[in-house]
Structures are given as structure tokens and as C-alpha cells.
């Protein structure tokens, strides 16, 4: 038992490779949602976005980076665990309060063009 303690102090835990891979997969999956939130969304306690629009945005973001997408249900469960974000259902759609999607570059361009036509 003393030798085991000495080995642990010298080498650390040395978890099996299956545990290391599972941990890496988990952290990668969690990081992709965090990166998507910081790059594609704005936090706003009064904002609401539909589950469909959020998942569509995340799916495109993850696929463009060759990341695992998962299911809309799993995405929603992870999103609801984020601080300041909570699930909220309206009469017509499910969604989340606390964030909004940033306009895509294409949407920004379309708005600029519309503004020039009308202005």
C-alpha cells in the first residue's frame, strides 16, 4: 500500500486510455458549445430564440469545424445548463431566454442592401 502511494506521488493517477479518450470527447463537446455561444450568440436576459434556429446555427457551426453535432435534444439539454439561459415555451414555439443569434454576414449584407434601396 505504501508503494502504491509512492507511485501515485511520483507518476500521478495514470488513468486508462479509454478514460482519457472519454474525457477528451466530453471536453471537446462542451467546448464546441461554448465556442459557438461566444462566436454566434449574444447574451441578453430579455432575448428569446427558437430551439430550431439555435440548433440549426449550432449544427452549421459544428459541421463547418468537423465537430460532432449530436441531437437537438442533447444540444438543448446542454444549452439549458449554461448560466443565464433557460428554456421557455411560447404558444407557438419552444426556445430559450437569455441569448440571441448574431446576424450572419449574409443577413448583414442583405440588410445593408435593403437600406440602400429604401434610403
N, C-alpha and C. Protein backbone atom coordinates (compact mmCIF):
# COMPACT_ATOMS: atom_id res chain seq x y z
N UNK A 1 0.82 -1.18 0.00
CA UNK A 1 0.00 0.00 0.00
C UNK A 1 0.87 1.26 0.00
N UNK A 2 1.95 1.24 0.75
CA UNK A 2 2.85 2.39 0.78
C UNK A 2 3.48 2.58 -0.59
N UNK A 3 3.83 1.48 -1.26
CA UNK A 3 4.43 1.58 -2.60
C UNK A 3 3.44 2.22 -3.57
N UNK A 4 2.17 1.87 -3.46
CA UNK A 4 1.14 2.47 -4.32
C UNK A 4 1.05 3.97 -4.10
N UNK A 5 1.16 4.41 -2.89
CA UNK A 5 1.12 5.84 -2.59
C UNK A 5 2.35 6.53 -3.16
N UNK A 6 3.50 5.90 -3.02
CA UNK A 6 4.73 6.48 -3.58
C UNK A 6 4.66 6.56 -5.10
N UNK A 7 4.12 5.51 -5.73
CA UNK A 7 3.94 5.52 -7.19
C UNK A 7 3.01 6.65 -7.62
N UNK A 8 1.91 6.81 -6.88
CA UNK A 8 0.95 7.87 -7.19
C UNK A 8 1.60 9.25 -7.07
N UNK A 9 2.39 9.46 -6.02
CA UNK A 9 3.05 10.75 -5.82
C UNK A 9 4.06 11.03 -6.94
N UNK A 10 4.70 9.99 -7.41
CA UNK A 10 5.72 10.16 -8.45
C UNK A 10 5.12 10.28 -9.85
N UNK A 11 4.10 9.47 -10.16
CA UNK A 11 3.58 9.37 -11.52
C UNK A 11 2.19 9.96 -11.71
N UNK A 12 1.46 10.21 -10.66
CA UNK A 12 0.07 10.64 -10.81
C UNK A 12 -0.84 9.44 -10.95
N UNK A 13 -2.07 9.69 -11.42
CA UNK A 13 -3.06 8.61 -11.49
C UNK A 13 -2.87 7.66 -12.66
N UNK A 14 -2.39 8.15 -13.80
CA UNK A 14 -2.25 7.32 -15.00
C UNK A 14 -3.54 6.59 -15.34
N UNK A 15 -4.60 7.33 -15.65
CA UNK A 15 -5.87 6.68 -15.99
C UNK A 15 -5.75 5.88 -17.29
N UNK A 16 -6.59 4.87 -17.47
CA UNK A 16 -6.56 4.07 -18.69
C UNK A 16 -6.89 4.93 -19.92
N UNK A 17 -6.43 4.52 -21.08
CA UNK A 17 -6.64 5.30 -22.30
C UNK A 17 -8.12 5.50 -22.61
N UNK A 18 -8.96 4.54 -22.28
CA UNK A 18 -10.39 4.69 -22.54
C UNK A 18 -10.96 5.86 -21.73
N UNK A 19 -10.49 6.05 -20.52
CA UNK A 19 -10.94 7.16 -19.69
C UNK A 19 -10.42 8.48 -20.27
N UNK A 20 -9.18 8.49 -20.70
CA UNK A 20 -8.61 9.70 -21.30
C UNK A 20 -9.37 10.11 -22.55
N UNK A 21 -9.71 9.14 -23.41
CA UNK A 21 -10.46 9.44 -24.64
C UNK A 21 -11.87 9.92 -24.33
N UNK A 22 -12.53 9.30 -23.36
CA UNK A 22 -13.88 9.71 -23.00
C UNK A 22 -13.86 11.14 -22.43
N UNK A 23 -12.87 11.45 -21.62
CA UNK A 23 -12.75 12.80 -21.07
C UNK A 23 -12.48 13.81 -22.17
N UNK A 24 -11.61 13.46 -23.09
CA UNK A 24 -11.30 14.35 -24.22
C UNK A 24 -12.53 14.61 -25.08
N UNK A 25 -13.31 13.56 -25.36
CA UNK A 25 -14.53 13.71 -26.14
C UNK A 25 -15.54 14.61 -25.42
N UNK A 26 -15.68 14.39 -24.12
CA UNK A 26 -16.62 15.19 -23.34
C UNK A 26 -16.21 16.66 -23.35
N UNK A 27 -14.95 16.95 -23.08
CA UNK A 27 -14.49 18.33 -23.03
C UNK A 27 -14.58 19.00 -24.41
N UNK A 28 -14.29 18.24 -25.45
CA UNK A 28 -14.39 18.78 -26.80
C UNK A 28 -15.83 19.16 -27.11
N UNK A 29 -16.75 18.29 -26.73
CA UNK A 29 -18.17 18.54 -26.98
C UNK A 29 -18.63 19.77 -26.20
N UNK A 30 -18.20 19.89 -24.95
CA UNK A 30 -18.58 21.04 -24.14
C UNK A 30 -17.96 22.32 -24.70
N UNK A 31 -16.74 22.25 -25.15
CA UNK A 31 -16.05 23.42 -25.68
C UNK A 31 -16.71 23.92 -26.96
N UNK A 32 -17.19 23.02 -27.80
CA UNK A 32 -17.79 23.46 -29.06
C UNK A 32 -19.04 24.29 -28.78
N UNK A 33 -19.81 23.95 -27.78
CA UNK A 33 -20.99 24.75 -27.45
C UNK A 33 -20.56 26.11 -26.90
N UNK A 34 -19.54 26.12 -26.06
CA UNK A 34 -19.03 27.38 -25.54
C UNK A 34 -18.47 28.28 -26.63
N UNK A 35 -17.74 27.68 -27.57
CA UNK A 35 -17.20 28.47 -28.68
C UNK A 35 -18.34 29.01 -29.55
N UNK A 36 -19.33 28.16 -29.84
CA UNK A 36 -20.47 28.60 -30.64
C UNK A 36 -21.20 29.76 -29.94
N UNK A 37 -21.42 29.63 -28.64
CA UNK A 37 -22.09 30.70 -27.91
C UNK A 37 -21.31 32.01 -28.01
N UNK A 38 -20.00 31.95 -27.83
CA UNK A 38 -19.23 33.20 -27.84
C UNK A 38 -19.08 33.79 -29.23
N UNK A 39 -19.11 32.95 -30.26
CA UNK A 39 -18.91 33.45 -31.63
C UNK A 39 -20.20 33.74 -32.38
N UNK A 40 -21.28 33.06 -32.03
CA UNK A 40 -22.51 33.17 -32.82
C UNK A 40 -23.69 33.79 -32.07
N UNK A 41 -23.55 34.00 -30.78
CA UNK A 41 -24.68 34.48 -29.98
C UNK A 41 -24.28 35.68 -29.13
N UNK A 42 -25.29 36.43 -28.75
CA UNK A 42 -25.14 37.50 -27.78
C UNK A 42 -25.99 37.15 -26.58
N UNK A 43 -25.43 37.33 -25.39
CA UNK A 43 -26.21 37.10 -24.16
C UNK A 43 -27.06 38.33 -23.91
N UNK A 44 -28.33 38.11 -23.68
CA UNK A 44 -29.27 39.19 -23.42
C UNK A 44 -30.39 38.59 -22.58
N UNK A 45 -30.52 39.03 -21.33
CA UNK A 45 -31.52 38.42 -20.45
C UNK A 45 -32.96 38.57 -20.94
N UNK A 46 -33.20 39.54 -21.83
CA UNK A 46 -34.55 39.75 -22.34
C UNK A 46 -34.80 39.11 -23.70
N UNK A 47 -33.77 38.53 -24.28
CA UNK A 47 -33.90 37.96 -25.64
C UNK A 47 -34.47 36.55 -25.58
N UNK A 48 -35.08 36.15 -26.69
CA UNK A 48 -35.60 34.80 -26.85
C UNK A 48 -35.24 34.34 -28.25
N UNK A 49 -34.83 33.07 -28.37
CA UNK A 49 -34.54 32.49 -29.68
C UNK A 49 -35.14 31.10 -29.73
N UNK A 50 -35.64 30.72 -30.89
CA UNK A 50 -36.29 29.41 -31.02
C UNK A 50 -35.25 28.29 -30.97
N UNK A 51 -35.68 27.17 -30.44
CA UNK A 51 -34.82 25.99 -30.39
C UNK A 51 -34.37 25.59 -31.78
N UNK A 52 -35.28 25.67 -32.73
CA UNK A 52 -34.98 25.29 -34.11
C UNK A 52 -33.87 26.17 -34.70
N UNK A 53 -33.99 27.48 -34.54
CA UNK A 53 -32.98 28.39 -35.10
C UNK A 53 -31.63 28.20 -34.41
N UNK A 54 -31.64 28.02 -33.10
CA UNK A 54 -30.39 27.83 -32.36
C UNK A 54 -29.70 26.54 -32.79
N UNK A 55 -30.46 25.45 -32.87
CA UNK A 55 -29.84 24.19 -33.26
C UNK A 55 -29.34 24.23 -34.70
N UNK A 56 -30.10 24.85 -35.58
CA UNK A 56 -29.67 24.97 -36.98
C UNK A 56 -28.34 25.73 -37.05
N UNK A 57 -28.23 26.82 -36.31
CA UNK A 57 -27.00 27.59 -36.27
C UNK A 57 -25.84 26.76 -35.71
N UNK A 58 -26.10 26.08 -34.59
CA UNK A 58 -25.05 25.24 -33.99
C UNK A 58 -24.63 24.13 -34.92
N UNK A 59 -25.60 23.50 -35.57
CA UNK A 59 -25.30 22.39 -36.48
C UNK A 59 -24.38 22.86 -37.61
N UNK A 60 -24.69 23.99 -38.21
CA UNK A 60 -23.85 24.52 -39.29
C UNK A 60 -22.45 24.86 -38.76
N UNK A 61 -22.39 25.45 -37.59
CA UNK A 61 -21.13 25.83 -36.97
C UNK A 61 -20.27 24.59 -36.70
N UNK A 62 -20.86 23.57 -36.08
CA UNK A 62 -20.12 22.36 -35.74
C UNK A 62 -19.67 21.60 -36.99
N UNK A 63 -20.55 21.46 -37.96
CA UNK A 63 -20.18 20.75 -39.19
C UNK A 63 -19.05 21.45 -39.94
N UNK A 64 -19.07 22.77 -39.95
CA UNK A 64 -18.01 23.53 -40.62
C UNK A 64 -16.65 23.30 -39.96
N UNK A 65 -16.66 22.85 -38.71
CA UNK A 65 -15.43 22.60 -37.97
C UNK A 65 -15.17 21.12 -37.77
N UNK A 66 -15.93 20.29 -38.48
CA UNK A 66 -15.81 18.83 -38.37
C UNK A 66 -15.95 18.34 -36.92
N UNK A 67 -16.88 18.96 -36.21
CA UNK A 67 -17.16 18.59 -34.83
C UNK A 67 -18.44 17.76 -34.78
N UNK A 68 -18.57 16.97 -33.73
CA UNK A 68 -19.76 16.16 -33.51
C UNK A 68 -20.95 17.08 -33.24
N UNK A 69 -22.06 16.83 -33.91
CA UNK A 69 -23.25 17.67 -33.76
C UNK A 69 -24.17 17.12 -32.67
N UNK A 70 -24.47 15.85 -32.70
CA UNK A 70 -25.40 15.27 -31.74
C UNK A 70 -26.84 15.59 -32.11
N UNK A 71 -27.74 15.33 -31.18
CA UNK A 71 -29.16 15.53 -31.43
C UNK A 71 -29.60 16.89 -30.91
N UNK A 72 -30.73 17.35 -31.42
CA UNK A 72 -31.30 18.61 -30.96
C UNK A 72 -31.65 18.52 -29.47
N UNK A 73 -32.11 17.37 -29.04
CA UNK A 73 -32.48 17.18 -27.63
C UNK A 73 -31.25 17.30 -26.72
N UNK A 74 -30.15 16.66 -27.10
CA UNK A 74 -28.92 16.74 -26.30
C UNK A 74 -28.37 18.17 -26.30
N UNK A 75 -28.44 18.82 -27.45
CA UNK A 75 -27.99 20.21 -27.55
C UNK A 75 -28.81 21.09 -26.60
N UNK A 76 -30.12 20.92 -26.62
CA UNK A 76 -31.00 21.72 -25.76
C UNK A 76 -30.71 21.50 -24.28
N UNK A 77 -30.45 20.26 -23.90
CA UNK A 77 -30.14 19.96 -22.50
C UNK A 77 -28.85 20.66 -22.07
N UNK A 78 -27.86 20.66 -22.94
CA UNK A 78 -26.59 21.33 -22.61
C UNK A 78 -26.74 22.84 -22.61
N UNK A 79 -27.54 23.34 -23.52
CA UNK A 79 -27.76 24.78 -23.59
C UNK A 79 -28.47 25.27 -22.32
N UNK A 80 -29.43 24.52 -21.85
CA UNK A 80 -30.19 24.91 -20.66
C UNK A 80 -29.32 24.91 -19.40
N UNK A 81 -28.19 24.24 -19.42
CA UNK A 81 -27.27 24.22 -18.27
C UNK A 81 -26.35 25.44 -18.25
N UNK A 82 -26.36 26.21 -19.32
CA UNK A 82 -25.49 27.39 -19.39
C UNK A 82 -26.04 28.49 -18.48
N UNK A 83 -25.16 29.19 -17.77
CA UNK A 83 -25.62 30.26 -16.88
C UNK A 83 -26.37 31.35 -17.66
N UNK A 84 -27.50 31.76 -17.13
CA UNK A 84 -28.26 32.85 -17.73
C UNK A 84 -29.16 32.44 -18.89
N UNK A 85 -29.19 31.16 -19.21
CA UNK A 85 -30.03 30.67 -20.31
C UNK A 85 -31.04 29.68 -19.74
N UNK A 86 -32.29 29.85 -20.11
CA UNK A 86 -33.31 28.90 -19.64
C UNK A 86 -34.31 28.61 -20.75
N UNK A 87 -34.81 27.41 -20.72
CA UNK A 87 -35.82 27.01 -21.70
C UNK A 87 -37.10 27.79 -21.46
N UNK A 88 -37.76 28.17 -22.55
CA UNK A 88 -39.01 28.91 -22.44
C UNK A 88 -39.87 28.59 -23.66
N UNK A 89 -41.09 28.19 -23.40
CA UNK A 89 -42.01 27.83 -24.47
C UNK A 89 -43.06 28.92 -24.65
N UNK A 90 -43.25 29.34 -25.89
CA UNK A 90 -44.32 30.29 -26.19
C UNK A 90 -45.52 29.48 -26.66
N UNK A 91 -46.57 30.15 -27.10
CA UNK A 91 -47.74 29.44 -27.60
C UNK A 91 -47.44 28.73 -28.92
N UNK A 92 -46.44 29.20 -29.63
CA UNK A 92 -46.18 28.64 -30.96
C UNK A 92 -44.85 27.92 -31.12
N UNK A 93 -43.91 28.11 -30.19
CA UNK A 93 -42.59 27.50 -30.38
C UNK A 93 -41.86 27.30 -29.06
N UNK A 94 -40.91 26.41 -29.10
CA UNK A 94 -40.01 26.21 -27.96
C UNK A 94 -38.74 26.99 -28.23
N UNK A 95 -38.14 27.46 -27.15
CA UNK A 95 -36.91 28.21 -27.33
C UNK A 95 -36.21 28.45 -26.01
N UNK A 96 -35.36 29.47 -26.01
CA UNK A 96 -34.55 29.78 -24.84
C UNK A 96 -34.51 31.29 -24.63
N UNK A 97 -34.60 31.67 -23.38
CA UNK A 97 -34.47 33.06 -22.97
C UNK A 97 -33.04 33.24 -22.49
N UNK A 98 -32.45 34.39 -22.84
CA UNK A 98 -31.12 34.71 -22.34
C UNK A 98 -30.07 34.84 -23.42
N UNK A 99 -30.44 34.57 -24.66
CA UNK A 99 -29.48 34.72 -25.75
C UNK A 99 -30.21 34.98 -27.05
N UNK A 100 -29.46 35.54 -27.99
CA UNK A 100 -29.98 35.73 -29.34
C UNK A 100 -28.86 35.46 -30.32
N UNK A 101 -29.25 34.98 -31.48
CA UNK A 101 -28.27 34.71 -32.53
C UNK A 101 -27.80 36.03 -33.13
N UNK A 102 -26.52 36.10 -33.40
CA UNK A 102 -26.00 37.25 -34.14
C UNK A 102 -26.37 37.07 -35.61
N UNK A 103 -26.64 38.17 -36.30
CA UNK A 103 -26.93 38.04 -37.73
C UNK A 103 -25.70 37.50 -38.46
N UNK A 104 -25.96 36.66 -39.44
CA UNK A 104 -24.87 36.12 -40.24
C UNK A 104 -24.35 37.22 -41.16
N UNK A 105 -23.14 37.08 -41.69
CA UNK A 105 -22.63 38.07 -42.65
C UNK A 105 -23.57 38.27 -43.83
N UNK A 106 -24.21 37.21 -44.30
CA UNK A 106 -25.16 37.32 -45.41
C UNK A 106 -26.36 38.17 -45.01
N UNK A 107 -26.88 37.95 -43.80
CA UNK A 107 -28.01 38.75 -43.32
C UNK A 107 -27.62 40.22 -43.19
N UNK A 108 -26.40 40.48 -42.71
CA UNK A 108 -25.93 41.86 -42.61
C UNK A 108 -25.87 42.51 -43.99
N UNK A 109 -25.38 41.78 -44.98
CA UNK A 109 -25.29 42.30 -46.34
C UNK A 109 -26.68 42.59 -46.90
N UNK A 110 -27.60 41.68 -46.69
CA UNK A 110 -28.97 41.87 -47.18
C UNK A 110 -29.61 43.09 -46.53
N UNK A 111 -29.39 43.29 -45.24
CA UNK A 111 -29.95 44.46 -44.56
C UNK A 111 -29.34 45.74 -45.11
N UNK A 112 -28.05 45.72 -45.36
CA UNK A 112 -27.39 46.91 -45.91
C UNK A 112 -27.96 47.24 -47.29
N UNK A 113 -28.17 46.22 -48.11
CA UNK A 113 -28.71 46.44 -49.46
C UNK A 113 -30.12 46.98 -49.39
N UNK A 114 -30.94 46.43 -48.51
CA UNK A 114 -32.31 46.93 -48.34
C UNK A 114 -32.30 48.38 -47.90
N UNK A 115 -31.39 48.72 -47.00
CA UNK A 115 -31.29 50.08 -46.52
C UNK A 115 -30.91 51.05 -47.62
N UNK A 116 -30.06 50.61 -48.54
CA UNK A 116 -29.65 51.48 -49.64
C UNK A 116 -30.79 51.70 -50.62
N UNK A 117 -31.57 50.64 -50.83
CA UNK A 117 -32.69 50.76 -51.77
C UNK A 117 -33.75 51.71 -51.25
N UNK A 118 -34.00 51.60 -49.97
CA UNK A 118 -35.09 52.39 -49.40
C UNK A 118 -34.60 53.78 -48.98
N UNK A 119 -33.30 53.97 -48.82
CA UNK A 119 -32.78 55.22 -48.28
C UNK A 119 -32.37 56.21 -49.27
